[in-house]
Amino acid sequence: MSLHLSFWVVNMIVSAVSIVVLAGLLLVYSHNFRAIKSTFSVGLVLFAVLFLVQNIAAIALYMSMATQEYGLAVAMPMLALNLAQLTGFSVLFWISWQ
């Protein structure tokens, strides 16, 4: 496996982990909405759903970019953005869970 392809695979894995974290956030926010019934809770559910859709679409995009042989110049910055996004979602999940 070439190096650039490995980075695209890592991008897909990070996006998949983000999907799991976002699904957890969606569950927490949905539970809060059922309990509280506030418009703020609706906004949080919408937030989680939109980022969930974005990460699902990102995996398809990364597969396409990997097959078209986009190089490390594209894969590495995308990985940095994905890791920052996953870190943010994880912190948000941790805070929301408490």
N, C-alpha and C. Protein backbone atom coordinates (compact mmCIF):
# COMPACT_ATOMS: atom_id res chain seq x y z
N MET A 1 0.85 -1.18 0.00
CA MET A 1 0.00 0.00 0.00
C MET A 1 0.89 1.24 0.00
N SER A 2 0.60 2.17 -0.89
CA SER A 2 1.41 3.38 -0.97
C SER A 2 1.13 4.30 0.22
N LEU A 3 2.05 5.21 0.45
CA LEU A 3 1.96 6.10 1.60
C LEU A 3 0.74 7.01 1.52
N HIS A 4 0.47 7.57 0.34
CA HIS A 4 -0.68 8.47 0.24
C HIS A 4 -1.99 7.72 0.46
N LEU A 5 -2.05 6.48 0.03
CA LEU A 5 -3.26 5.68 0.24
C LEU A 5 -3.45 5.38 1.73
N SER A 6 -2.35 5.16 2.43
CA SER A 6 -2.43 4.93 3.88
C SER A 6 -3.02 6.14 4.60
N PHE A 7 -2.64 7.33 4.19
CA PHE A 7 -3.19 8.53 4.81
C PHE A 7 -4.69 8.67 4.54
N TRP A 8 -5.13 8.28 3.36
CA TRP A 8 -6.56 8.33 3.07
C TRP A 8 -7.32 7.31 3.92
N VAL A 9 -6.73 6.15 4.12
CA VAL A 9 -7.36 5.14 4.98
C VAL A 9 -7.46 5.66 6.42
N VAL A 10 -6.41 6.30 6.90
CA VAL A 10 -6.45 6.87 8.25
C VAL A 10 -7.52 7.96 8.32
N ASN A 11 -7.65 8.77 7.29
CA ASN A 11 -8.72 9.78 7.24
C ASN A 11 -10.09 9.12 7.37
N MET A 12 -10.28 8.01 6.67
CA MET A 12 -11.57 7.30 6.73
C MET A 12 -11.81 6.74 8.13
N ILE A 13 -10.78 6.22 8.76
CA ILE A 13 -10.92 5.67 10.11
C ILE A 13 -11.26 6.78 11.11
N VAL A 14 -10.59 7.92 11.00
CA VAL A 14 -10.87 9.03 11.90
C VAL A 14 -12.31 9.52 11.70
N SER A 15 -12.76 9.58 10.45
CA SER A 15 -14.15 9.97 10.19
C SER A 15 -15.13 8.95 10.77
N ALA A 16 -14.79 7.67 10.68
CA ALA A 16 -15.66 6.63 11.24
C ALA A 16 -15.75 6.76 12.76
N VAL A 17 -14.64 7.06 13.40
CA VAL A 17 -14.65 7.27 14.85
C VAL A 17 -15.48 8.51 15.18
N SER A 18 -15.36 9.56 14.37
CA SER A 18 -16.19 10.76 14.56
C SER A 18 -17.67 10.42 14.45
N ILE A 19 -18.01 9.53 13.54
CA ILE A 19 -19.41 9.12 13.38
C ILE A 19 -19.91 8.45 14.66
N VAL A 20 -19.08 7.61 15.26
CA VAL A 20 -19.47 6.95 16.51
C VAL A 20 -19.66 7.98 17.62
N VAL A 21 -18.74 8.92 17.75
CA VAL A 21 -18.84 9.95 18.78
C VAL A 21 -20.08 10.81 18.54
N LEU A 22 -20.33 11.17 17.29
CA LEU A 22 -21.50 11.98 16.96
C LEU A 22 -22.80 11.22 17.21
N ALA A 23 -22.79 9.92 16.97
CA ALA A 23 -23.99 9.12 17.28
C ALA A 23 -24.25 9.14 18.78
N GLY A 24 -23.18 9.07 19.57
CA GLY A 24 -23.33 9.19 21.03
C GLY A 24 -23.87 10.55 21.43
N LEU A 25 -23.35 11.60 20.81
CA LEU A 25 -23.87 12.95 21.08
C LEU A 25 -25.34 13.05 20.70
N LEU A 26 -25.70 12.46 19.58
CA LEU A 26 -27.09 12.49 19.14
C LEU A 26 -27.99 11.80 20.15
N LEU A 27 -27.54 10.69 20.70
CA LEU A 27 -28.32 10.00 21.73
C LEU A 27 -28.49 10.86 22.98
N VAL A 28 -27.41 11.48 23.42
CA VAL A 28 -27.47 12.34 24.61
C VAL A 28 -28.40 13.52 24.36
N TYR A 29 -28.24 14.17 23.22
CA TYR A 29 -29.06 15.34 22.92
C TYR A 29 -30.53 14.96 22.72
N SER A 30 -30.79 13.81 22.11
CA SER A 30 -32.17 13.36 21.93
C SER A 30 -32.83 13.08 23.28
N HIS A 31 -32.07 12.45 24.17
CA HIS A 31 -32.59 12.18 25.53
C HIS A 31 -32.89 13.50 26.25
N ASN A 32 -31.98 14.46 26.12
CA ASN A 32 -32.20 15.77 26.75
C ASN A 32 -33.43 16.46 26.16
N PHE A 33 -33.62 16.33 24.86
CA PHE A 33 -34.78 16.97 24.23
C PHE A 33 -36.08 16.36 24.75
N ARG A 34 -36.11 15.04 24.86
CA ARG A 34 -37.32 14.39 25.38
C ARG A 34 -37.60 14.80 26.82
N ALA A 35 -36.55 15.03 27.60
CA ALA A 35 -36.72 15.40 29.00
C ALA A 35 -37.03 16.88 29.19
N ILE A 36 -36.39 17.74 28.40
CA ILE A 36 -36.48 19.18 28.63
C ILE A 36 -37.44 19.87 27.66
N LYS A 37 -37.50 19.43 26.41
CA LYS A 37 -38.35 20.01 25.36
C LYS A 37 -38.01 21.48 25.08
N SER A 38 -36.73 21.80 25.02
CA SER A 38 -36.34 23.17 24.73
C SER A 38 -35.85 23.30 23.29
N THR A 39 -35.93 24.51 22.76
CA THR A 39 -35.44 24.74 21.39
C THR A 39 -33.93 24.60 21.32
N PHE A 40 -33.24 24.87 22.42
CA PHE A 40 -31.79 24.68 22.47
C PHE A 40 -31.44 23.21 22.21
N SER A 41 -32.22 22.31 22.78
CA SER A 41 -32.00 20.87 22.56
C SER A 41 -32.23 20.49 21.11
N VAL A 42 -33.21 21.12 20.48
CA VAL A 42 -33.44 20.86 19.05
C VAL A 42 -32.23 21.30 18.24
N GLY A 43 -31.66 22.44 18.58
CA GLY A 43 -30.46 22.91 17.90
C GLY A 43 -29.29 21.97 18.06
N LEU A 44 -29.13 21.40 19.25
CA LEU A 44 -28.04 20.45 19.48
C LEU A 44 -28.25 19.16 18.69
N VAL A 45 -29.49 18.70 18.61
CA VAL A 45 -29.80 17.51 17.80
C VAL A 45 -29.48 17.79 16.34
N LEU A 46 -29.89 18.95 15.85
CA LEU A 46 -29.61 19.32 14.46
C LEU A 46 -28.11 19.43 14.22
N PHE A 47 -27.39 20.01 15.16
CA PHE A 47 -25.93 20.10 15.09
C PHE A 47 -25.31 18.71 14.89
N ALA A 48 -25.71 17.77 15.74
CA ALA A 48 -25.15 16.42 15.67
C ALA A 48 -25.52 15.73 14.36
N VAL A 49 -26.75 15.90 13.90
CA VAL A 49 -27.21 15.26 12.66
C VAL A 49 -26.43 15.80 11.46
N LEU A 50 -26.27 17.11 11.40
CA LEU A 50 -25.56 17.70 10.26
C LEU A 50 -24.09 17.26 10.21
N PHE A 51 -23.43 17.22 11.35
CA PHE A 51 -22.04 16.76 11.35
C PHE A 51 -21.96 15.27 11.09
N LEU A 52 -22.97 14.52 11.49
CA LEU A 52 -23.01 13.09 11.18
C LEU A 52 -23.10 12.88 9.67
N VAL A 53 -23.96 13.62 9.01
CA VAL A 53 -24.09 13.53 7.56
C VAL A 53 -22.79 13.96 6.88
N GLN A 54 -22.17 15.01 7.40
CA GLN A 54 -20.92 15.50 6.83
C GLN A 54 -19.83 14.44 6.91
N ASN A 55 -19.73 13.73 8.02
CA ASN A 55 -18.69 12.71 8.17
C ASN A 55 -18.97 11.48 7.33
N ILE A 56 -20.23 11.13 7.15
CA ILE A 56 -20.57 10.02 6.25
C ILE A 56 -20.18 10.38 4.81
N ALA A 57 -20.50 11.60 4.41
CA ALA A 57 -20.13 12.05 3.07
C ALA A 57 -18.62 12.15 2.92
N ALA A 58 -17.93 12.51 3.99
CA ALA A 58 -16.47 12.64 3.93
C ALA A 58 -15.81 11.29 3.62
N ILE A 59 -16.34 10.22 4.20
CA ILE A 59 -15.75 8.90 3.93
C ILE A 59 -15.86 8.57 2.44
N ALA A 60 -17.01 8.85 1.85
CA ALA A 60 -17.17 8.61 0.41
C ALA A 60 -16.21 9.49 -0.39
N LEU A 61 -16.06 10.73 0.03
CA LEU A 61 -15.14 11.64 -0.66
C LEU A 61 -13.70 11.16 -0.54
N TYR A 62 -13.32 10.68 0.64
CA TYR A 62 -11.94 10.20 0.82
C TYR A 62 -11.68 8.96 -0.02
N MET A 63 -12.66 8.10 -0.15
CA MET A 63 -12.49 6.92 -1.03
C MET A 63 -12.27 7.37 -2.47
N SER A 64 -13.05 8.36 -2.88
CA SER A 64 -12.91 8.88 -4.24
C SER A 64 -11.54 9.52 -4.45
N MET A 65 -11.09 10.30 -3.48
CA MET A 65 -9.79 10.96 -3.59
C MET A 65 -8.65 9.95 -3.58
N ALA A 66 -8.81 8.88 -2.81
CA ALA A 66 -7.77 7.85 -2.76
C ALA A 66 -7.65 7.12 -4.09
N THR A 67 -8.79 6.85 -4.74
CA THR A 67 -8.74 6.14 -6.02
C THR A 67 -8.25 7.05 -7.15
N GLN A 68 -8.41 8.35 -6.99
CA GLN A 68 -7.91 9.28 -8.00
C GLN A 68 -6.48 9.70 -7.71
N GLU A 69 -5.90 9.08 -6.69
CA GLU A 69 -4.50 9.26 -6.33
C GLU A 69 -4.12 10.70 -5.99
N TYR A 70 -5.00 11.36 -5.21
CA TYR A 70 -4.59 12.63 -4.63
C TYR A 70 -3.47 12.32 -3.65
N GLY A 71 -2.45 13.13 -3.64
CA GLY A 71 -1.25 12.82 -2.86
C GLY A 71 -1.29 13.30 -1.42
N LEU A 72 -0.12 13.24 -0.83
CA LEU A 72 0.04 13.63 0.57
C LEU A 72 -0.24 15.11 0.79
N ALA A 73 -0.06 15.92 -0.24
CA ALA A 73 -0.32 17.35 -0.11
C ALA A 73 -1.78 17.64 0.22
N VAL A 74 -2.67 16.73 -0.12
CA VAL A 74 -4.09 16.87 0.19
C VAL A 74 -4.46 16.02 1.41
N ALA A 75 -3.93 14.81 1.48
CA ALA A 75 -4.32 13.87 2.54
C ALA A 75 -3.86 14.32 3.92
N MET A 76 -2.67 14.87 4.03
CA MET A 76 -2.15 15.26 5.34
C MET A 76 -2.91 16.42 5.96
N PRO A 77 -3.19 17.51 5.22
CA PRO A 77 -3.99 18.58 5.83
C PRO A 77 -5.40 18.12 6.20
N MET A 78 -5.97 17.25 5.38
CA MET A 78 -7.31 16.72 5.70
C MET A 78 -7.26 15.91 6.99
N LEU A 79 -6.19 15.16 7.18
CA LEU A 79 -6.04 14.37 8.40
C LEU A 79 -5.92 15.29 9.62
N ALA A 80 -5.17 16.37 9.48
CA ALA A 80 -5.04 17.32 10.59
C ALA A 80 -6.40 17.92 10.95
N LEU A 81 -7.18 18.28 9.94
CA LEU A 81 -8.52 18.82 10.18
C LEU A 81 -9.44 17.78 10.82
N ASN A 82 -9.35 16.55 10.34
CA ASN A 82 -10.18 15.47 10.90
C ASN A 82 -9.83 15.20 12.35
N LEU A 83 -8.55 15.20 12.68
CA LEU A 83 -8.14 14.96 14.06
C LEU A 83 -8.59 16.10 14.97
N ALA A 84 -8.50 17.34 14.48
CA ALA A 84 -8.98 18.48 15.27
C ALA A 84 -10.49 18.37 15.49
N GLN A 85 -11.21 18.00 14.46
CA GLN A 85 -12.66 17.84 14.55
C GLN A 85 -13.02 16.72 15.53
N LEU A 86 -12.35 15.59 15.44
CA LEU A 86 -12.61 14.48 16.34
C LEU A 86 -12.31 14.87 17.79
N THR A 87 -11.24 15.61 18.00
CA THR A 87 -10.91 16.07 19.35
C THR A 87 -12.02 16.96 19.89
N GLY A 88 -12.50 17.88 19.08
CA GLY A 88 -13.59 18.76 19.50
C GLY A 88 -14.86 17.99 19.81
N PHE A 89 -15.22 17.05 18.96
CA PHE A 89 -16.42 16.24 19.20
C PHE A 89 -16.27 15.40 20.47
N SER A 90 -15.08 14.88 20.69
CA SER A 90 -14.84 14.05 21.88
C SER A 90 -14.96 14.87 23.16
N VAL A 91 -14.41 16.06 23.15
CA VAL A 91 -14.53 16.94 24.32
C VAL A 91 -15.99 17.30 24.54
N LEU A 92 -16.71 17.61 23.48
CA LEU A 92 -18.12 17.95 23.59
C LEU A 92 -18.92 16.76 24.12
N PHE A 93 -18.60 15.56 23.66
CA PHE A 93 -19.28 14.36 24.15
C PHE A 93 -19.00 14.16 25.64
N TRP A 94 -17.76 14.32 26.04
CA TRP A 94 -17.38 14.14 27.44
C TRP A 94 -18.11 15.13 28.34
N ILE A 95 -18.17 16.40 27.89
CA ILE A 95 -18.87 17.43 28.67
C ILE A 95 -20.37 17.15 28.70
N SER A 96 -20.94 16.74 27.58
CA SER A 96 -22.38 16.49 27.50
C SER A 96 -22.79 15.26 28.30
N TRP A 97 -21.90 14.29 28.40
CA TRP A 97 -22.22 13.04 29.10
C TRP A 97 -22.32 13.28 30.61
N GLN A 98 -21.58 14.25 31.11
CA GLN A 98 -21.57 14.50 32.56
C GLN A 98 -22.79 15.26 33.03
